[in-house]
Amino acid sequence: MHRTVAVELDGILRHVPADYHRTGPLAGRMLTARVFHAESPFGDCPVPVAMPLHRPTERTDPRLIVVDDQTTRWVMGFNVQHGQRAYRITDFYPL
């Protein structure tokens, strides 16, 4: 199911396409389009990455919560993987 999520990073707000997964290993979660830049201690990720989103709990820091176009609240996930390497999302991928 296609949705749009308003994401703000470093003062830049963008409306990012995302897909809600009803079944499979990502059931109940969303994954955004690949529009984010990520880094590791070994360098920058060579490609744009998607951000995983999950539902907030009562103890979720409100600064990590984003809202989709159906007013559903989601928590931004910054840890991603490309190939066999772990990265952390730092900002939007340069256009």
PDB file of N, CA and C in Angstrom:
ATOM      1  N   MET A   1       0.846  -1.173   0.000  1.00  0.00           N
ATOM      2  CA  MET A   1       0.000   0.000   0.000  1.00  0.00           C
ATOM      3  C   MET A   1       0.895   1.241   0.000  1.00  0.00           C
ATOM      4  N   HIS A   2       0.704   2.106  -0.953  1.00  0.00           N
ATOM      5  CA  HIS A   2       1.534   3.300  -1.096  1.00  0.00           C
ATOM      6  C   HIS A   2       1.049   4.421  -0.175  1.00  0.00           C
ATOM      7  N   ARG A   3       2.004   5.072   0.459  1.00  0.00           N
ATOM      8  CA  ARG A   3       1.725   6.209   1.335  1.00  0.00           C
ATOM      9  C   ARG A   3       2.811   7.264   1.128  1.00  0.00           C
ATOM     10  N   THR A   4       2.625   8.412   1.778  1.00  0.00           N
ATOM     11  CA  THR A   4       3.625   9.477   1.770  1.00  0.00           C
ATOM     12  C   THR A   4       3.882   9.875   3.214  1.00  0.00           C
ATOM     13  N   VAL A   5       5.160  10.039   3.556  1.00  0.00           N
ATOM     14  CA  VAL A   5       5.542  10.371   4.926  1.00  0.00           C
ATOM     15  C   VAL A   5       6.294  11.696   4.917  1.00  0.00           C
ATOM     16  N   ALA A   6       5.941  12.598   5.834  1.00  0.00           N
ATOM     17  CA  ALA A   6       6.657  13.871   5.977  1.00  0.00           C
ATOM     18  C   ALA A   6       7.850  13.633   6.899  1.00  0.00           C
ATOM     19  N   VAL A   7       9.067  13.784   6.345  1.00  0.00           N
ATOM     20  CA  VAL A   7      10.302  13.546   7.103  1.00  0.00           C
ATOM     21  C   VAL A   7      11.118  14.826   7.137  1.00  0.00           C
ATOM     22  N   GLU A   8      11.548  15.223   8.340  1.00  0.00           N
ATOM     23  CA  GLU A   8      12.410  16.392   8.484  1.00  0.00           C
ATOM     24  C   GLU A   8      13.757  15.944   9.039  1.00  0.00           C
ATOM     25  N   LEU A   9      14.820  16.285   8.317  1.00  0.00           N
ATOM     26  CA  LEU A   9      16.189  16.017   8.755  1.00  0.00           C
ATOM     27  C   LEU A   9      17.001  17.287   8.607  1.00  0.00           C
ATOM     28  N   ASP A  10      17.678  17.680   9.653  1.00  0.00           N
ATOM     29  CA  ASP A  10      18.511  18.888   9.641  1.00  0.00           C
ATOM     30  C   ASP A  10      17.766  20.108   9.105  1.00  0.00           C
ATOM     31  N   GLY A  11      16.497  20.247   9.502  1.00  0.00           N
ATOM     32  CA  GLY A  11      15.718  21.412   9.108  1.00  0.00           C
ATOM     33  C   GLY A  11      15.154  21.348   7.708  1.00  0.00           C
ATOM     34  N   ILE A  12      15.339  20.256   6.989  1.00  0.00           N
ATOM     35  CA  ILE A  12      14.799  20.095   5.634  1.00  0.00           C
ATOM     36  C   ILE A  12      13.630  19.130   5.707  1.00  0.00           C
ATOM     37  N   LEU A  13      12.456  19.594   5.246  1.00  0.00           N
ATOM     38  CA  LEU A  13      11.249  18.779   5.255  1.00  0.00           C
ATOM     39  C   LEU A  13      10.969  18.292   3.842  1.00  0.00           C
ATOM     40  N   ARG A  14      10.771  16.984   3.707  1.00  0.00           N
ATOM     41  CA  ARG A  14      10.405  16.404   2.415  1.00  0.00           C
ATOM     42  C   ARG A  14       9.273  15.409   2.616  1.00  0.00           C
ATOM     43  N   HIS A  15       8.438  15.304   1.598  1.00  0.00           N
ATOM     44  CA  HIS A  15       7.385  14.293   1.585  1.00  0.00           C
ATOM     45  C   HIS A  15       7.926  13.113   0.793  1.00  0.00           C
ATOM     46  N   VAL A  16       8.116  11.999   1.476  1.00  0.00           N
ATOM     47  CA  VAL A  16       8.806  10.839   0.921  1.00  0.00           C
ATOM     48  C   VAL A  16       7.801   9.709   0.677  1.00  0.00           C
ATOM     49  N   PRO A  17       7.815   9.122  -0.533  1.00  0.00           N
ATOM     50  CA  PRO A  17       6.965   7.956  -0.781  1.00  0.00           C
ATOM     51  C   PRO A  17       7.407   6.783   0.097  1.00  0.00           C
ATOM     52  N   ALA A  18       6.434   5.985   0.533  1.00  0.00           N
ATOM     53  CA  ALA A  18       6.725   4.811   1.359  1.00  0.00           C
ATOM     54  C   ALA A  18       5.710   3.719   1.049  1.00  0.00           C
ATOM     55  N   ASP A  19       6.091   2.493   1.341  1.00  0.00           N
ATOM     56  CA  ASP A  19       5.193   1.354   1.148  1.00  0.00           C
ATOM     57  C   ASP A  19       4.931   0.670   2.473  1.00  0.00           C
ATOM     58  N   TYR A  20       3.641   0.495   2.780  1.00  0.00           N
ATOM     59  CA  TYR A  20       3.228  -0.238   3.965  1.00  0.00           C
ATOM     60  C   TYR A  20       3.133  -1.714   3.593  1.00  0.00           C
ATOM     61  N   HIS A  21       3.704  -2.566   4.435  1.00  0.00           N
ATOM     62  CA  HIS A  21       3.730  -3.995   4.159  1.00  0.00           C
ATOM     63  C   HIS A  21       2.706  -4.711   5.032  1.00  0.00           C
ATOM     64  N   ARG A  22       1.735  -5.346   4.394  1.00  0.00           N
ATOM     65  CA  ARG A  22       0.691  -6.079   5.116  1.00  0.00           C
ATOM     66  C   ARG A  22       1.118  -7.510   5.439  1.00  0.00           C
ATOM     67  N   THR A  23       2.020  -8.066   4.642  1.00  0.00           N
ATOM     68  CA  THR A  23       2.455  -9.451   4.831  1.00  0.00           C
ATOM     69  C   THR A  23       3.971  -9.531   4.680  1.00  0.00           C
ATOM     70  N   GLY A  24       4.515 -10.693   4.968  1.00  0.00           N
ATOM     71  CA  GLY A  24       5.947 -10.926   4.786  1.00  0.00           C
ATOM     72  C   GLY A  24       6.764 -10.479   5.974  1.00  0.00           C
ATOM     73  N   PRO A  25       8.096 -10.472   5.805  1.00  0.00           N
ATOM     74  CA  PRO A  25       8.984 -10.149   6.929  1.00  0.00           C
ATOM     75  C   PRO A  25       8.845  -8.714   7.441  1.00  0.00           C
ATOM     76  N   LEU A  26       8.307  -7.815   6.629  1.00  0.00           N
ATOM     77  CA  LEU A  26       8.122  -6.419   7.053  1.00  0.00           C
ATOM     78  C   LEU A  26       6.668  -6.116   7.421  1.00  0.00           C
ATOM     79  N   ALA A  27       5.871  -7.149   7.661  1.00  0.00           N
ATOM     80  CA  ALA A  27       4.449  -6.955   7.968  1.00  0.00           C
ATOM     81  C   ALA A  27       4.267  -5.972   9.118  1.00  0.00           C
ATOM     82  N   GLY A  28       3.387  -4.991   8.897  1.00  0.00           N
ATOM     83  CA  GLY A  28       3.102  -3.985   9.908  1.00  0.00           C
ATOM     84  C   GLY A  28       4.089  -2.833   9.933  1.00  0.00           C
ATOM     85  N   ARG A  29       5.025  -2.837   9.020  1.00  0.00           N
ATOM     86  CA  ARG A  29       6.036  -1.769   8.952  1.00  0.00           C
ATOM     87  C   ARG A  29       5.978  -1.088   7.598  1.00  0.00           C
ATOM     88  N   MET A  30       6.714   0.022   7.507  1.00  0.00           N
ATOM     89  CA  MET A  30       6.823   0.713   6.224  1.00  0.00           C
ATOM     90  C   MET A  30       8.289   0.857   5.866  1.00  0.00           C
ATOM     91  N   LEU A  31       8.517   1.000   4.573  1.00  0.00           N
ATOM     92  CA  LEU A  31       9.851   1.244   4.045  1.00  0.00           C
ATOM     93  C   LEU A  31       9.727   2.385   3.045  1.00  0.00           C
ATOM     94  N   THR A  32      10.528   3.429   3.233  1.00  0.00           N
ATOM     95  CA  THR A  32      10.452   4.587   2.342  1.00  0.00           C
ATOM     96  C   THR A  32      11.157   4.308   1.025  1.00  0.00           C
ATOM     97  N   ALA A  33      11.015   5.247   0.121  1.00  0.00           N
ATOM     98  CA  ALA A  33      11.791   5.216  -1.114  1.00  0.00           C
ATOM     99  C   ALA A  33      13.267   5.426  -0.756  1.00  0.00           C
ATOM    100  N   ARG A  34      14.148   5.103  -1.662  1.00  0.00           N
ATOM    101  CA  ARG A  34      15.593   5.239  -1.438  1.00  0.00           C
ATOM    102  C   ARG A  34      16.018   6.689  -1.710  1.00  0.00           C
ATOM    103  N   VAL A  35      15.852   7.527  -0.692  1.00  0.00           N
ATOM    104  CA  VAL A  35      16.167   8.952  -0.853  1.00  0.00           C
ATOM    105  C   VAL A  35      17.117   9.464   0.225  1.00  0.00           C
ATOM    106  N   PHE A  36      17.707   8.557   1.017  1.00  0.00           N
ATOM    107  CA  PHE A  36      18.533   8.971   2.140  1.00  0.00           C
ATOM    108  C   PHE A  36      20.006   8.633   1.934  1.00  0.00           C
ATOM    109  N   HIS A  37      20.852   9.486   2.488  1.00  0.00           N
ATOM    110  CA  HIS A  37      22.299   9.287   2.493  1.00  0.00           C
ATOM    111  C   HIS A  37      22.664   8.625   3.808  1.00  0.00           C
ATOM    112  N   ALA A  38      23.597   7.666   3.761  1.00  0.00           N
ATOM    113  CA  ALA A  38      24.004   6.966   4.972  1.00  0.00           C
ATOM    114  C   ALA A  38      25.526   6.847   5.010  1.00  0.00           C
ATOM    115  N   GLU A  39      26.057   6.749   6.234  1.00  0.00           N
ATOM    116  CA  GLU A  39      27.505   6.662   6.440  1.00  0.00           C
ATOM    117  C   GLU A  39      27.825   5.539   7.416  1.00  0.00           C
ATOM    118  N   SER A  40      29.063   5.093   7.364  1.00  0.00           N
ATOM    119  CA  SER A  40      29.589   4.142   8.341  1.00  0.00           C
ATOM    120  C   SER A  40      30.980   4.639   8.726  1.00  0.00           C
ATOM    121  N   PRO A  41      31.613   4.034   9.715  1.00  0.00           N
ATOM    122  CA  PRO A  41      32.987   4.438  10.050  1.00  0.00           C
ATOM    123  C   PRO A  41      33.956   4.223   8.883  1.00  0.00           C
ATOM    124  N   PHE A  42      33.523   3.412   7.905  1.00  0.00           N
ATOM    125  CA  PHE A  42      34.390   3.094   6.771  1.00  0.00           C
ATOM    126  C   PHE A  42      34.113   3.967   5.559  1.00  0.00           C
ATOM    127  N   GLY A  43      33.118   4.855   5.647  1.00  0.00           N
ATOM    128  CA  GLY A  43      32.824   5.759   4.541  1.00  0.00           C
ATOM    129  C   GLY A  43      31.344   5.832   4.217  1.00  0.00           C
ATOM    130  N   ASP A  44      31.045   6.597   3.167  1.00  0.00           N
ATOM    131  CA  ASP A  44      29.666   6.805   2.736  1.00  0.00           C
ATOM    132  C   ASP A  44      29.119   5.587   2.009  1.00  0.00           C
ATOM    133  N   CYS A  45      27.823   5.366   2.149  1.00  0.00           N
ATOM    134  CA  CYS A  45      27.153   4.335   1.367  1.00  0.00           C
ATOM    135  C   CYS A  45      27.156   4.802  -0.087  1.00  0.00           C
ATOM    136  N   PRO A  46      27.468   3.923  -1.044  1.00  0.00           N
ATOM    137  CA  PRO A  46      27.591   4.357  -2.435  1.00  0.00           C
ATOM    138  C   PRO A  46      26.273   4.624  -3.146  1.00  0.00           C
ATOM    139  N   VAL A  47      25.149   4.290  -2.522  1.00  0.00           N
ATOM    140  CA  VAL A  47      23.835   4.470  -3.148  1.00  0.00           C
ATOM    141  C   VAL A  47      22.853   5.054  -2.140  1.00  0.00           C
ATOM    142  N   PRO A  48      21.766   5.664  -2.601  1.00  0.00           N
ATOM    143  CA  PRO A  48      20.731   6.106  -1.669  1.00  0.00           C
ATOM    144  C   PRO A  48      20.078   4.895  -0.993  1.00  0.00           C
ATOM    145  N   VAL A  49      19.635   5.077   0.243  1.00  0.00           N
ATOM    146  CA  VAL A  49      19.023   3.974   0.991  1.00  0.00           C
ATOM    147  C   VAL A  49      17.605   4.341   1.424  1.00  0.00           C
ATOM    148  N   ALA A  50      16.827   3.313   1.728  1.00  0.00           N
ATOM    149  CA  ALA A  50      15.468   3.481   2.249  1.00  0.00           C
ATOM    150  C   ALA A  50      15.526   3.554   3.768  1.00  0.00           C
ATOM    151  N   MET A  51      14.540   4.216   4.350  1.00  0.00           N
ATOM    152  CA  MET A  51      14.443   4.291   5.809  1.00  0.00           C
ATOM    153  C   MET A  51      13.330   3.353   6.281  1.00  0.00           C
ATOM    154  N   PRO A  52      13.644   2.470   7.234  1.00  0.00           N
ATOM    155  CA  PRO A  52      12.590   1.631   7.815  1.00  0.00           C
ATOM    156  C   PRO A  52      11.795   2.429   8.849  1.00  0.00           C
ATOM    157  N   LEU A  53      10.499   2.213   8.872  1.00  0.00           N
ATOM    158  CA  LEU A  53       9.617   2.890   9.821  1.00  0.00           C
ATOM    159  C   LEU A  53       8.810   1.843  10.584  1.00  0.00           C
ATOM    160  N   HIS A  54       8.629   2.052  11.873  1.00  0.00           N
ATOM    161  CA  HIS A  54       7.815   1.149  12.680  1.00  0.00           C
ATOM    162  C   HIS A  54       6.918   1.966  13.606  1.00  0.00           C
ATOM    163  N   ARG A  55       5.981   1.303  14.251  1.00  0.00           N
ATOM    164  CA  ARG A  55       5.015   1.991  15.101  1.00  0.00           C
ATOM    165  C   ARG A  55       5.649   2.438  16.415  1.00  0.00           C
ATOM    166  N   PRO A  56       5.276   3.607  16.905  1.00  0.00           N
ATOM    167  CA  PRO A  56       5.834   4.095  18.176  1.00  0.00           C
ATOM    168  C   PRO A  56       5.217   3.388  19.383  1.00  0.00           C
ATOM    169  N   THR A  57       5.953   3.422  20.471  1.00  0.00           N
ATOM    170  CA  THR A  57       5.440   2.948  21.757  1.00  0.00           C
ATOM    171  C   THR A  57       5.255   4.169  22.649  1.00  0.00           C
ATOM    172  N   GLU A  58       4.790   3.966  23.860  1.00  0.00           N
ATOM    173  CA  GLU A  58       4.578   5.087  24.785  1.00  0.00           C
ATOM    174  C   GLU A  58       5.881   5.793  25.133  1.00  0.00           C
ATOM    175  N   ARG A  59       6.997   5.074  25.075  1.00  0.00           N
ATOM    176  CA  ARG A  59       8.287   5.660  25.457  1.00  0.00           C
ATOM    177  C   ARG A  59       9.097   6.188  24.280  1.00  0.00           C
ATOM    178  N   THR A  60       8.529   6.202  23.090  1.00  0.00           N
ATOM    179  CA  THR A  60       9.256   6.693  21.917  1.00  0.00           C
ATOM    180  C   THR A  60       9.490   8.190  22.030  1.00  0.00           C
ATOM    181  N   ASP A  61      10.709   8.603  21.742  1.00  0.00           N
ATOM    182  CA  ASP A  61      11.046  10.031  21.728  1.00  0.00           C
ATOM    183  C   ASP A  61      10.207  10.702  20.638  1.00  0.00           C
ATOM    184  N   PRO A  62       9.406  11.716  20.973  1.00  0.00           N
ATOM    185  CA  PRO A  62       8.543  12.360  19.978  1.00  0.00           C
ATOM    186  C   PRO A  62       9.301  12.976  18.810  1.00  0.00           C
ATOM    187  N   ARG A  63      10.576  13.272  18.983  1.00  0.00           N
ATOM    188  CA  ARG A  63      11.360  13.848  17.885  1.00  0.00           C
ATOM    189  C   ARG A  63      11.609  12.834  16.775  1.00  0.00           C
ATOM    190  N   LEU A  64      11.399  11.555  17.049  1.00  0.00           N
ATOM    191  CA  LEU A  64      11.625  10.508  16.055  1.00  0.00           C
ATOM    192  C   LEU A  64      10.355  10.101  15.317  1.00  0.00           C
ATOM    193  N   ILE A  65       9.230  10.706  15.699  1.00  0.00           N
ATOM    194  CA  ILE A  65       7.944  10.313  15.113  1.00  0.00           C
ATOM    195  C   ILE A  65       7.626  11.166  13.885  1.00  0.00           C
ATOM    196  N   VAL A  66       7.206  10.471  12.821  1.00  0.00           N
ATOM    197  CA  VAL A  66       6.741  11.124  11.597  1.00  0.00           C
ATOM    198  C   VAL A  66       5.303  10.658  11.359  1.00  0.00           C
ATOM    199  N   VAL A  67       4.585  11.378  10.503  1.00  0.00           N
ATOM    200  CA  VAL A  67       3.179  11.074  10.229  1.00  0.00           C
ATOM    201  C   VAL A  67       3.006  10.881   8.726  1.00  0.00           C
ATOM    202  N   ASP A  68       2.241   9.848   8.360  1.00  0.00           N
ATOM    203  CA  ASP A  68       2.004   9.626   6.933  1.00  0.00           C
ATOM    204  C   ASP A  68       0.728  10.335   6.483  1.00  0.00           C
ATOM    205  N   ASP A  69       0.408  10.194   5.202  1.00  0.00           N
ATOM    206  CA  ASP A  69      -0.743  10.894   4.632  1.00  0.00           C
ATOM    207  C   ASP A  69      -2.087  10.346   5.107  1.00  0.00           C
ATOM    208  N   GLN A  70      -2.073   9.271   5.895  1.00  0.00           N
ATOM    209  CA  GLN A  70      -3.299   8.750   6.488  1.00  0.00           C
ATOM    210  C   GLN A  70      -3.340   9.042   7.994  1.00  0.00           C
ATOM    211  N   THR A  71      -2.478   9.947   8.436  1.00  0.00           N
ATOM    212  CA  THR A  71      -2.321  10.399   9.826  1.00  0.00           C
ATOM    213  C   THR A  71      -1.881   9.293  10.783  1.00  0.00           C
ATOM    214  N   THR A  72      -1.227   8.266  10.240  1.00  0.00           N
ATOM    215  CA  THR A  72      -0.658   7.206  11.065  1.00  0.00           C
ATOM    216  C   THR A  72       0.736   7.625  11.503  1.00  0.00           C
ATOM    217  N   ARG A  73       1.031   7.413  12.780  1.00  0.00           N
ATOM    218  CA  ARG A  73       2.337   7.796  13.327  1.00  0.00           C
ATOM    219  C   ARG A  73       3.343   6.652  13.159  1.00  0.00           C
ATOM    220  N   TRP A  74       4.586   7.031  12.815  1.00  0.00           N
ATOM    221  CA  TRP A  74       5.667   6.073  12.587  1.00  0.00           C
ATOM    222  C   TRP A  74       6.941   6.584  13.237  1.00  0.00           C
ATOM    223  N   VAL A  75       7.836   5.669  13.574  1.00  0.00           N
ATOM    224  CA  VAL A  75       9.133   6.027  14.139  1.00  0.00           C
ATOM    225  C   VAL A  75      10.195   5.840  13.062  1.00  0.00           C
ATOM    226  N   MET A  76      11.031   6.862  12.892  1.00  0.00           N
ATOM    227  CA  MET A  76      12.117   6.769  11.917  1.00  0.00           C
ATOM    228  C   MET A  76      13.186   5.802  12.417  1.00  0.00           C
ATOM    229  N   GLY A  77      13.669   4.970  11.509  1.00  0.00           N
ATOM    230  CA  GLY A  77      14.776   4.063  11.806  1.00  0.00           C
ATOM    231  C   GLY A  77      16.008   4.525  11.052  1.00  0.00           C
ATOM    232  N   PHE A  78      17.101   4.732  11.727  1.00  0.00           N
ATOM    233  CA  PHE A  78      18.294   5.280  11.095  1.00  0.00           C
ATOM    234  C   PHE A  78      19.346   4.239  10.759  1.00  0.00           C
ATOM    235  N   ASN A  79      19.232   3.047  11.294  1.00  0.00           N
ATOM    236  CA  ASN A  79      20.217   1.999  11.026  1.00  0.00           C
ATOM    237  C   ASN A  79      19.763   1.168   9.832  1.00  0.00           C
ATOM    238  N   VAL A  80      20.614   1.124   8.814  1.00  0.00           N
ATOM    239  CA  VAL A  80      20.296   0.409   7.580  1.00  0.00           C
ATOM    240  C   VAL A  80      21.493  -0.442   7.170  1.00  0.00           C
ATOM    241  N   GLN A  81      21.266  -1.271   6.164  1.00  0.00           N
ATOM    242  CA  GLN A  81      22.334  -2.125   5.676  1.00  0.00           C
ATOM    243  C   GLN A  81      22.339  -2.096   4.159  1.00  0.00           C
ATOM    244  N   HIS A  82      23.531  -2.065   3.586  1.00  0.00           N
ATOM    245  CA  HIS A  82      23.703  -2.171   2.135  1.00  0.00           C
ATOM    246  C   HIS A  82      24.801  -3.193   1.918  1.00  0.00           C
ATOM    247  N   GLY A  83      24.481  -4.228   1.154  1.00  0.00           N
ATOM    248  CA  GLY A  83      25.447  -5.306   1.011  1.00  0.00           C
ATOM    249  C   GLY A  83      25.638  -5.954   2.371  1.00  0.00           C
ATOM    250  N   GLN A  84      26.854  -6.124   2.787  1.00  0.00           N
ATOM    251  CA  GLN A  84      27.147  -6.717   4.088  1.00  0.00           C
ATOM    252  C   GLN A  84      27.559  -5.680   5.124  1.00  0.00           C
ATOM    253  N   ARG A  85      27.397  -4.402   4.805  1.00  0.00           N
ATOM    254  CA  ARG A  85      27.869  -3.342   5.690  1.00  0.00           C
ATOM    255  C   ARG A  85      26.715  -2.582   6.336  1.00  0.00           C
ATOM    256  N   ALA A  86      26.884  -2.267   7.617  1.00  0.00           N
ATOM    257  CA  ALA A  86      25.889  -1.476   8.347  1.00  0.00           C
ATOM    258  C   ALA A  86      26.193   0.010   8.179  1.00  0.00           C
ATOM    259  N   TYR A  87      25.136   0.794   7.994  1.00  0.00           N
ATOM    260  CA  TYR A  87      25.250   2.245   7.835  1.00  0.00           C
ATOM    261  C   TYR A  87      24.234   2.925   8.738  1.00  0.00           C
ATOM    262  N   ARG A  88      24.413   4.226   8.902  1.00  0.00           N
ATOM    263  CA  ARG A  88      23.462   5.053   9.662  1.00  0.00           C
ATOM    264  C   ARG A  88      23.040   6.211   8.764  1.00  0.00           C
ATOM    265  N   ILE A  89      21.734   6.400   8.634  1.00  0.00           N
ATOM    266  CA  ILE A  89      21.210   7.513   7.826  1.00  0.00           C
ATOM    267  C   ILE A  89      21.599   8.822   8.509  1.00  0.00           C
ATOM    268  N   THR A  90      22.123   9.752   7.707  1.00  0.00           N
ATOM    269  CA  THR A  90      22.547  11.045   8.224  1.00  0.00           C
ATOM    270  C   THR A  90      21.761  12.219   7.649  1.00  0.00           C
ATOM    271  N   ASP A  91      21.290  12.078   6.426  1.00  0.00           N
ATOM    272  CA  ASP A  91      20.528  13.154   5.788  1.00  0.00           C
ATOM    273  C   ASP A  91      19.915  12.638   4.488  1.00  0.00           C
ATOM    274  N   PHE A  92      19.326  13.561   3.728  1.00  0.00           N
ATOM    275  CA  PHE A  92      18.773  13.202   2.428  1.00  0.00           C
ATOM    276  C   PHE A  92      19.912  13.041   1.432  1.00  0.00           C
ATOM    277  N   TYR A  93      19.735  12.139   0.487  1.00  0.00           N
ATOM    278  CA  TYR A  93      20.728  11.944  -0.572  1.00  0.00           C
ATOM    279  C   TYR A  93      20.704  13.178  -1.461  1.00  0.00           C
ATOM    280  N   PRO A  94      21.871  13.669  -1.868  1.00  0.00           N
ATOM    281  CA  PRO A  94      21.881  14.870  -2.731  1.00  0.00           C
ATOM    282  C   PRO A  94      21.127  14.625  -4.027  1.00  0.00           C
ATOM    283  N   LEU A  95      20.344  15.614  -4.439  1.00  0.00           N
ATOM    284  CA  LEU A  95      19.575  15.497  -5.685  1.00  0.00           C
ATOM    285  C   LEU A  95      20.447  15.641  -6.891  1.00  0.00           C
TER     286      LEU A  95
END
